[in-house]
Amino acid sequence: MIRGVHHLAVSTPDLDRFVSTYQSWFGFERCGGGGWEPGNERIDTMVGLRDSGARYEMIRLGSLYIEVFEYHAPVSKAVRPRMCDHGITHFCLYSDDVFADYERLKGLGMTFNGPPGGTAATRATYGRDCDGNIVELLQIVEQTCTFPYAGAISTGATG
């Protein structure tokens, strides 16, 4: 039975830069890593590529894991989906002070579409990480919000 989401994955042209940025900007920690060389039939079948080779790191923030890949084969290309494009368009990080995190991250070089705004229940903003991936920052400010942050439930915090 499926119990929940374990991780999401991101491909980057520079694994070390990406992991370092996520550590300093968001507080992620390294959990382990590895890699493979072209000719690994089992992995090629699993990832749906031919003659793939990559190295990877698993990073974690709270209960969110991100598996970060840097492929050296086959040749990769940058893809920058817009919010309206089909498929996964962004991921969201929960903040207990979205305005302070917005200012802090802006100072570290993260670019945003605009300052946080929201509804009666939430405050949010969207920006781009060091590779141009869309990252949402979300703060829930009303206890009656119908999609609460699980960490706030377990700690009793309301956001």
C-alpha atoms as a PDB file:
ATOM      1  CA  MET A   1       0.000   0.000   0.000  1.00  0.00           C
ATOM      2  CA  ILE A   2       1.307   3.431  -0.882  1.00  0.00           C
ATOM      3  CA  ARG A   3       1.893   5.443   2.309  1.00  0.00           C
ATOM      4  CA  GLY A   4       3.127   8.784   0.999  1.00  0.00           C
ATOM      5  CA  VAL A   5       5.827  10.557  -0.982  1.00  0.00           C
ATOM      6  CA  HIS A   6       9.436   9.643  -0.222  1.00  0.00           C
ATOM      7  CA  HIS A   7      11.376  11.951  -2.540  1.00  0.00           C
ATOM      8  CA  LEU A   8      11.396  13.989  -5.688  1.00  0.00           C
ATOM      9  CA  ALA A   9      14.269  14.114  -8.157  1.00  0.00           C
ATOM     10  CA  VAL A  10      16.034  16.936  -9.973  1.00  0.00           C
ATOM     11  CA  SER A  11      18.654  16.794 -12.715  1.00  0.00           C
ATOM     12  CA  THR A  12      21.337  19.484 -12.648  1.00  0.00           C
ATOM     13  CA  PRO A  13      24.372  20.356 -14.761  1.00  0.00           C
ATOM     14  CA  ASP A  14      26.454  20.896 -11.570  1.00  0.00           C
ATOM     15  CA  LEU A  15      25.742  18.554  -8.654  1.00  0.00           C
ATOM     16  CA  ASP A  16      28.171  20.173  -6.212  1.00  0.00           C
ATOM     17  CA  ARG A  17      26.840  23.697  -6.846  1.00  0.00           C
ATOM     18  CA  PHE A  18      23.217  22.566  -6.570  1.00  0.00           C
ATOM     19  CA  VAL A  19      23.729  20.688  -3.287  1.00  0.00           C
ATOM     20  CA  SER A  20      25.792  23.524  -1.811  1.00  0.00           C
ATOM     21  CA  THR A  21      23.106  26.053  -2.773  1.00  0.00           C
ATOM     22  CA  TYR A  22      20.316  23.960  -1.233  1.00  0.00           C
ATOM     23  CA  GLN A  23      22.360  23.574   1.942  1.00  0.00           C
ATOM     24  CA  SER A  24      23.050  27.296   2.310  1.00  0.00           C
ATOM     25  CA  TRP A  25      19.722  28.670   1.020  1.00  0.00           C
ATOM     26  CA  PHE A  26      17.241  26.196   2.482  1.00  0.00           C
ATOM     27  CA  GLY A  27      19.064  24.142   5.138  1.00  0.00           C
ATOM     28  CA  PHE A  28      19.123  20.760   3.361  1.00  0.00           C
ATOM     29  CA  GLU A  29      21.622  18.154   4.552  1.00  0.00           C
ATOM     30  CA  ARG A  30      23.454  15.461   2.577  1.00  0.00           C
ATOM     31  CA  CYS A  31      22.252  11.895   3.169  1.00  0.00           C
ATOM     32  CA  GLY A  32      24.397   9.905   0.753  1.00  0.00           C
ATOM     33  CA  GLY A  33      25.113   9.453  -2.880  1.00  0.00           C
ATOM     34  CA  GLY A  34      26.731   7.443  -5.584  1.00  0.00           C
ATOM     35  CA  GLY A  35      26.697   6.998  -9.309  1.00  0.00           C
ATOM     36  CA  TRP A  36      27.108   4.672 -12.268  1.00  0.00           C
ATOM     37  CA  GLU A  37      28.949   4.524 -15.571  1.00  0.00           C
ATOM     38  CA  PRO A  38      27.475   3.907 -19.022  1.00  0.00           C
ATOM     39  CA  GLY A  39      26.748   0.254 -19.723  1.00  0.00           C
ATOM     40  CA  ASN A  40      24.736  -0.460 -16.555  1.00  0.00           C
ATOM     41  CA  GLU A  41      21.802  -2.277 -18.164  1.00  0.00           C
ATOM     42  CA  ARG A  42      19.758  -2.496 -14.951  1.00  0.00           C
ATOM     43  CA  ILE A  43      19.850   1.260 -14.357  1.00  0.00           C
ATOM     44  CA  ASP A  44      19.338   2.075 -18.058  1.00  0.00           C
ATOM     45  CA  THR A  45      16.160  -0.019 -17.983  1.00  0.00           C
ATOM     46  CA  MET A  46      14.982   1.583 -14.750  1.00  0.00           C
ATOM     47  CA  VAL A  47      15.497   5.194 -15.900  1.00  0.00           C
ATOM     48  CA  GLY A  48      14.457   4.578 -19.508  1.00  0.00           C
ATOM     49  CA  LEU A  49      17.743   5.759 -21.065  1.00  0.00           C
ATOM     50  CA  ARG A  50      20.466   4.069 -23.128  1.00  0.00           C
ATOM     51  CA  ASP A  51      24.114   4.172 -22.085  1.00  0.00           C
ATOM     52  CA  SER A  52      23.394   6.520 -19.166  1.00  0.00           C
ATOM     53  CA  GLY A  53      25.967   7.575 -16.615  1.00  0.00           C
ATOM     54  CA  ALA A  54      25.527   9.885 -13.663  1.00  0.00           C
ATOM     55  CA  ARG A  55      26.440  10.725 -10.127  1.00  0.00           C
ATOM     56  CA  TYR A  56      23.867  11.656  -7.510  1.00  0.00           C
ATOM     57  CA  GLU A  57      23.297  12.897  -3.969  1.00  0.00           C
ATOM     58  CA  MET A  58      20.254  12.438  -1.762  1.00  0.00           C
ATOM     59  CA  ILE A  59      19.579  15.551   0.321  1.00  0.00           C
ATOM     60  CA  ARG A  60      16.985  16.048   3.060  1.00  0.00           C
ATOM     61  CA  LEU A  61      15.064  18.825   4.759  1.00  0.00           C
ATOM     62  CA  GLY A  62      12.722  17.512   7.458  1.00  0.00           C
ATOM     63  CA  SER A  63      10.779  14.681   5.818  1.00  0.00           C
ATOM     64  CA  LEU A  64      11.438  15.884   2.238  1.00  0.00           C
ATOM     65  CA  TYR A  65      14.177  14.116   0.309  1.00  0.00           C
ATOM     66  CA  ILE A  66      15.457  15.330  -3.059  1.00  0.00           C
ATOM     67  CA  GLU A  67      17.529  13.014  -5.218  1.00  0.00           C
ATOM     68  CA  VAL A  68      19.841  15.233  -7.289  1.00  0.00           C
ATOM     69  CA  PHE A  69      21.379  13.799 -10.474  1.00  0.00           C
ATOM     70  CA  GLU A  70      24.216  15.087 -12.645  1.00  0.00           C
ATOM     71  CA  TYR A  71      24.210  13.023 -15.833  1.00  0.00           C
ATOM     72  CA  HIS A  72      27.376  12.820 -17.915  1.00  0.00           C
ATOM     73  CA  ALA A  73      25.647  10.553 -20.473  1.00  0.00           C
ATOM     74  CA  PRO A  74      23.534  10.960 -22.474  1.00  0.00           C
ATOM     75  CA  VAL A  75      23.934  14.693 -23.188  1.00  0.00           C
ATOM     76  CA  SER A  76      21.393  16.659 -21.139  1.00  0.00           C
ATOM     77  CA  LYS A  77      19.529  19.845 -21.990  1.00  0.00           C
ATOM     78  CA  ALA A  78      18.001  22.518 -19.786  1.00  0.00           C
ATOM     79  CA  VAL A  79      14.211  22.484 -19.557  1.00  0.00           C
ATOM     80  CA  ARG A  80      12.430  25.437 -17.952  1.00  0.00           C
ATOM     81  CA  PRO A  81       8.714  24.683 -17.650  1.00  0.00           C
ATOM     82  CA  ARG A  82       6.370  27.540 -16.945  1.00  0.00           C
ATOM     83  CA  MET A  83       3.659  27.178 -14.317  1.00  0.00           C
ATOM     84  CA  CYS A  84       1.071  26.624 -17.095  1.00  0.00           C
ATOM     85  CA  ASP A  85       3.045  23.832 -18.829  1.00  0.00           C
ATOM     86  CA  HIS A  86       1.924  20.228 -18.345  1.00  0.00           C
ATOM     87  CA  GLY A  87       3.778  18.022 -15.894  1.00  0.00           C
ATOM     88  CA  ILE A  88       5.460  18.842 -12.611  1.00  0.00           C
ATOM     89  CA  THR A  89       6.063  22.577 -12.529  1.00  0.00           C
ATOM     90  CA  HIS A  90       7.357  23.354  -9.027  1.00  0.00           C
ATOM     91  CA  PHE A  91       7.808  22.168  -5.482  1.00  0.00           C
ATOM     92  CA  CYS A  92       6.895  23.994  -2.302  1.00  0.00           C
ATOM     93  CA  LEU A  93       8.916  24.547   0.871  1.00  0.00           C
ATOM     94  CA  TYR A  94       7.067  25.434   4.053  1.00  0.00           C
ATOM     95  CA  SER A  95       8.210  28.536   5.938  1.00  0.00           C
ATOM     96  CA  ASP A  96       7.173  29.743   9.371  1.00  0.00           C
ATOM     97  CA  ASP A  97       8.007  33.333   8.264  1.00  0.00           C
ATOM     98  CA  VAL A  98       7.688  33.671   4.495  1.00  0.00           C
ATOM     99  CA  PHE A  99       8.485  37.404   4.512  1.00  0.00           C
ATOM    100  CA  ALA A 100      11.780  36.910   6.394  1.00  0.00           C
ATOM    101  CA  ASP A 101      12.760  33.921   4.213  1.00  0.00           C
ATOM    102  CA  TYR A 102      11.916  35.887   1.075  1.00  0.00           C
ATOM    103  CA  GLU A 103      14.283  38.708   2.130  1.00  0.00           C
ATOM    104  CA  ARG A 104      17.012  36.288   3.275  1.00  0.00           C
ATOM    105  CA  LEU A 105      16.893  34.236   0.065  1.00  0.00           C
ATOM    106  CA  LYS A 106      16.764  37.341  -2.128  1.00  0.00           C
ATOM    107  CA  GLY A 107      19.949  38.462  -0.381  1.00  0.00           C
ATOM    108  CA  LEU A 108      21.570  35.103  -1.179  1.00  0.00           C
ATOM    109  CA  GLY A 109      20.735  35.455  -4.878  1.00  0.00           C
ATOM    110  CA  MET A 110      17.409  33.661  -5.323  1.00  0.00           C
ATOM    111  CA  THR A 111      15.175  35.430  -7.841  1.00  0.00           C
ATOM    112  CA  PHE A 112      11.453  35.829  -7.191  1.00  0.00           C
ATOM    113  CA  ASN A 113       8.452  36.827  -9.282  1.00  0.00           C
ATOM    114  CA  GLY A 114       7.390  39.191  -6.507  1.00  0.00           C
ATOM    115  CA  PRO A 115       7.033  39.519  -2.738  1.00  0.00           C
ATOM    116  CA  PRO A 116       4.836  37.156  -0.716  1.00  0.00           C
ATOM    117  CA  GLY A 117       1.106  37.651  -0.864  1.00  0.00           C
ATOM    118  CA  GLY A 118      -1.906  35.489  -0.204  1.00  0.00           C
ATOM    119  CA  THR A 119      -5.318  34.794   1.165  1.00  0.00           C
ATOM    120  CA  ALA A 120      -6.795  34.715   4.637  1.00  0.00           C
ATOM    121  CA  ALA A 121      -5.190  31.286   5.203  1.00  0.00           C
ATOM    122  CA  THR A 122      -1.820  31.448   3.411  1.00  0.00           C
ATOM    123  CA  ARG A 123       1.082  33.619   2.323  1.00  0.00           C
ATOM    124  CA  ALA A 124       3.245  32.488  -0.599  1.00  0.00           C
ATOM    125  CA  THR A 125       5.754  33.521  -3.243  1.00  0.00           C
ATOM    126  CA  TYR A 126       7.399  31.784  -6.191  1.00  0.00           C
ATOM    127  CA  GLY A 127      11.054  32.011  -7.156  1.00  0.00           C
ATOM    128  CA  ARG A 128      13.754  30.164  -9.052  1.00  0.00           C
ATOM    129  CA  ASP A 129      16.665  28.171  -7.642  1.00  0.00           C
ATOM    130  CA  CYS A 130      20.242  28.158  -8.962  1.00  0.00           C
ATOM    131  CA  ASP A 131      19.182  26.018 -11.969  1.00  0.00           C
ATOM    132  CA  GLY A 132      15.975  27.912 -12.724  1.00  0.00           C
ATOM    133  CA  ASN A 133      13.604  25.392 -11.102  1.00  0.00           C
ATOM    134  CA  ILE A 134      10.479  26.963  -9.629  1.00  0.00           C
ATOM    135  CA  VAL A 135      10.359  26.848  -5.821  1.00  0.00           C
ATOM    136  CA  GLU A 136       7.337  28.069  -3.876  1.00  0.00           C
ATOM    137  CA  LEU A 137       7.673  29.343  -0.305  1.00  0.00           C
ATOM    138  CA  LEU A 138       4.441  28.873   1.675  1.00  0.00           C
ATOM    139  CA  GLN A 139       3.338  29.947   5.138  1.00  0.00           C
ATOM    140  CA  ILE A 140      -0.014  28.877   6.551  1.00  0.00           C
ATOM    141  CA  VAL A 141      -1.334  31.596   8.818  1.00  0.00           C
ATOM    142  CA  GLU A 142      -4.808  30.236   9.658  1.00  0.00           C
ATOM    143  CA  GLN A 143      -5.365  27.077  11.726  1.00  0.00           C
ATOM    144  CA  THR A 144      -8.499  26.229   9.759  1.00  0.00           C
ATOM    145  CA  CYS A 145      -6.556  25.931   6.484  1.00  0.00           C
ATOM    146  CA  THR A 146      -7.783  22.789   4.688  1.00  0.00           C
ATOM    147  CA  PHE A 147      -4.245  21.720   3.636  1.00  0.00           C
ATOM    148  CA  PRO A 148      -2.123  22.151   6.796  1.00  0.00           C
ATOM    149  CA  TYR A 149       1.624  21.579   7.016  1.00  0.00           C
ATOM    150  CA  ALA A 150       2.167  18.147   8.597  1.00  0.00           C
ATOM    151  CA  GLY A 151       5.155  19.432  10.596  1.00  0.00           C
ATOM    152  CA  ALA A 152       2.950  22.096  12.163  1.00  0.00           C
ATOM    153  CA  ILE A 153       0.423  19.438  13.178  1.00  0.00           C
ATOM    154  CA  SER A 154       3.057  17.301  14.883  1.00  0.00           C
ATOM    155  CA  THR A 155       4.652  20.244  16.704  1.00  0.00           C
ATOM    156  CA  GLY A 156       1.444  22.082  17.478  1.00  0.00           C
ATOM    157  CA  ALA A 157       2.673  25.131  15.544  1.00  0.00           C
ATOM    158  CA  THR A 158       0.200  26.976  13.369  1.00  0.00           C
ATOM    159  CA  GLY A 159       2.630  28.694  11.034  1.00  0.00           C
END
